[in-house]
Each structure stands twice: as structure tokens, then as C-alpha cells.
Amino acid sequence: MNLVYAFVLLLVVAAIIGFYRLLAGPTLADRVIALDLLFAVAIVMSICAALASGSPAFLDVAVGLSLVGFVATIAWARLIDRQVTQEEDR
């Protein structure tokens, strides 16, 4: 159980670093990667909650977050690709 709390503490540190990169940038790609990191932190947090509480319902949340995170990352990557392509055409 102490190992779960240690993971949560490390995840909070990772989330703080991710929020900083999300706000500071400097490029849009950096912000997308930071958002992907925050999704990964949320997924592992829900797994830690499932381990700490003994409830498998949190694992369903982790699966849902992973699906949403994957789709969001693909959508942002396509958006960045379109912007780069438009800038190259100019």
C-alpha cells in the first residue's frame, strides 16, 4: 500500500511538470505532448485508485481515459500537420 502512495506522489510531480510545459509551450507540439503526459498521469492515477480501494470500477475509467487520450493525440497531431503544411505552401 505504501508503494501506491509513492506512485501517487511521483505522479503529482509529473503532473506539475506537465502543467508547466502545457502553459509554457513554447510550441504547439510541446503542449500536445504535455497534454498526452497529463492523460498518462490520469490513467495511472486511476489504476492506483483501483489498487488502493480494491474496486475494479477505476480500471474502466483508465480504459476510457486511454481511449480519449489516444483520439485526442491523433486529432492534435493532424491539426499540427495541417498548420505546418499550410505554412509551407505560403
Protein backbone atom coordinates (compact mmCIF):
# COMPACT_ATOMS: atom_id res chain seq x y z
CA MET A 1 0.00 0.00 0.00
CA ASN A 2 2.90 2.37 0.69
CA LEU A 3 4.14 1.71 -2.83
CA VAL A 4 0.84 3.02 -4.21
CA TYR A 5 1.22 6.23 -2.21
CA ALA A 6 4.77 6.63 -3.50
CA PHE A 7 3.48 6.26 -7.06
CA VAL A 8 0.82 8.90 -6.40
CA LEU A 9 3.45 11.31 -5.06
CA LEU A 10 5.60 10.80 -8.16
CA LEU A 11 2.54 11.23 -10.36
CA VAL A 12 1.76 14.56 -8.72
CA VAL A 13 5.29 15.72 -9.51
CA ALA A 14 4.88 14.55 -13.11
CA ALA A 15 1.53 16.36 -13.35
CA ILE A 16 3.08 19.61 -12.11
CA ILE A 17 5.84 19.32 -14.70
CA GLY A 18 3.24 18.54 -17.37
CA PHE A 19 1.12 21.56 -16.41
CA TYR A 20 4.17 23.79 -16.59
CA ARG A 21 5.02 22.54 -20.08
CA LEU A 22 1.38 22.86 -21.12
CA LEU A 23 1.31 26.52 -20.10
CA ALA A 24 4.86 27.49 -21.09
CA GLY A 25 4.96 25.86 -24.51
CA PRO A 26 6.86 27.20 -26.50
CA THR A 27 5.48 25.29 -29.48
CA LEU A 28 2.12 23.66 -30.07
CA ALA A 29 3.78 20.26 -30.28
CA ASP A 30 5.20 20.72 -26.77
CA ARG A 31 1.73 21.47 -25.50
CA VAL A 32 0.29 18.37 -27.17
CA ILE A 33 2.96 16.16 -25.62
CA ALA A 34 2.30 17.75 -22.22
CA LEU A 35 -1.41 17.03 -22.62
CA ASP A 36 -0.57 13.44 -23.51
CA LEU A 37 1.58 13.24 -20.37
CA LEU A 38 -1.33 14.51 -18.29
CA PHE A 39 -3.58 11.83 -19.79
CA ALA A 40 -0.99 9.20 -18.87
CA VAL A 41 -0.79 10.56 -15.32
CA ALA A 42 -4.59 10.41 -15.02
CA ILE A 43 -4.61 6.82 -16.29
CA VAL A 44 -2.00 5.68 -13.78
CA MET A 45 -3.77 7.62 -11.02
CA SER A 46 -6.97 5.74 -11.72
CA ILE A 47 -5.06 2.45 -11.66
CA CYS A 48 -3.57 3.46 -8.30
CA ALA A 49 -7.07 4.29 -7.06
CA ALA A 50 -8.24 0.83 -8.15
CA LEU A 51 -5.36 -0.77 -6.26
CA ALA A 52 -5.90 1.32 -3.13
CA SER A 53 -9.66 0.85 -2.97
CA GLY A 54 -9.90 -2.66 -4.35
CA SER A 55 -12.63 -1.52 -6.74
CA PRO A 56 -12.27 -2.53 -10.39
CA ALA A 57 -14.52 0.36 -11.49
CA PHE A 58 -11.49 2.62 -11.63
CA LEU A 59 -9.98 0.34 -14.27
CA ASP A 60 -12.92 1.16 -16.54
CA VAL A 61 -12.09 4.83 -16.05
CA ALA A 62 -8.47 4.09 -17.02
CA VAL A 63 -9.59 2.37 -20.22
CA GLY A 64 -11.90 5.27 -21.08
CA LEU A 65 -9.15 7.80 -20.43
CA SER A 66 -6.71 5.89 -22.58
CA LEU A 67 -9.15 5.82 -25.49
CA VAL A 68 -9.94 9.53 -25.20
CA GLY A 69 -6.25 10.36 -24.83
CA PHE A 70 -5.34 8.37 -27.93
CA VAL A 71 -8.01 10.00 -30.06
CA ALA A 72 -7.13 13.47 -28.75
CA THR A 73 -3.44 12.97 -29.51
CA ILE A 74 -4.21 11.84 -33.06
CA ALA A 75 -6.55 14.80 -33.59
CA TRP A 76 -3.99 17.32 -32.31
CA ALA A 77 -1.25 15.75 -34.43
CA ARG A 78 -3.40 16.08 -37.55
CA LEU A 79 -4.14 19.70 -36.67
CA ILE A 80 -0.45 20.48 -36.27
CA ASP A 81 0.31 18.71 -39.55
CA ARG A 82 -2.29 20.81 -41.37
CA GLN A 83 -0.89 24.02 -39.91
CA VAL A 84 2.66 23.11 -40.91
CA THR A 85 1.52 22.14 -44.41
CA GLN A 86 -0.35 25.45 -44.81
CA GLU A 87 2.69 27.43 -43.67
CA GLU A 88 4.92 25.58 -46.14
CA ASP A 89 2.52 26.30 -49.00
CA ARG A 90 2.71 30.04 -48.39
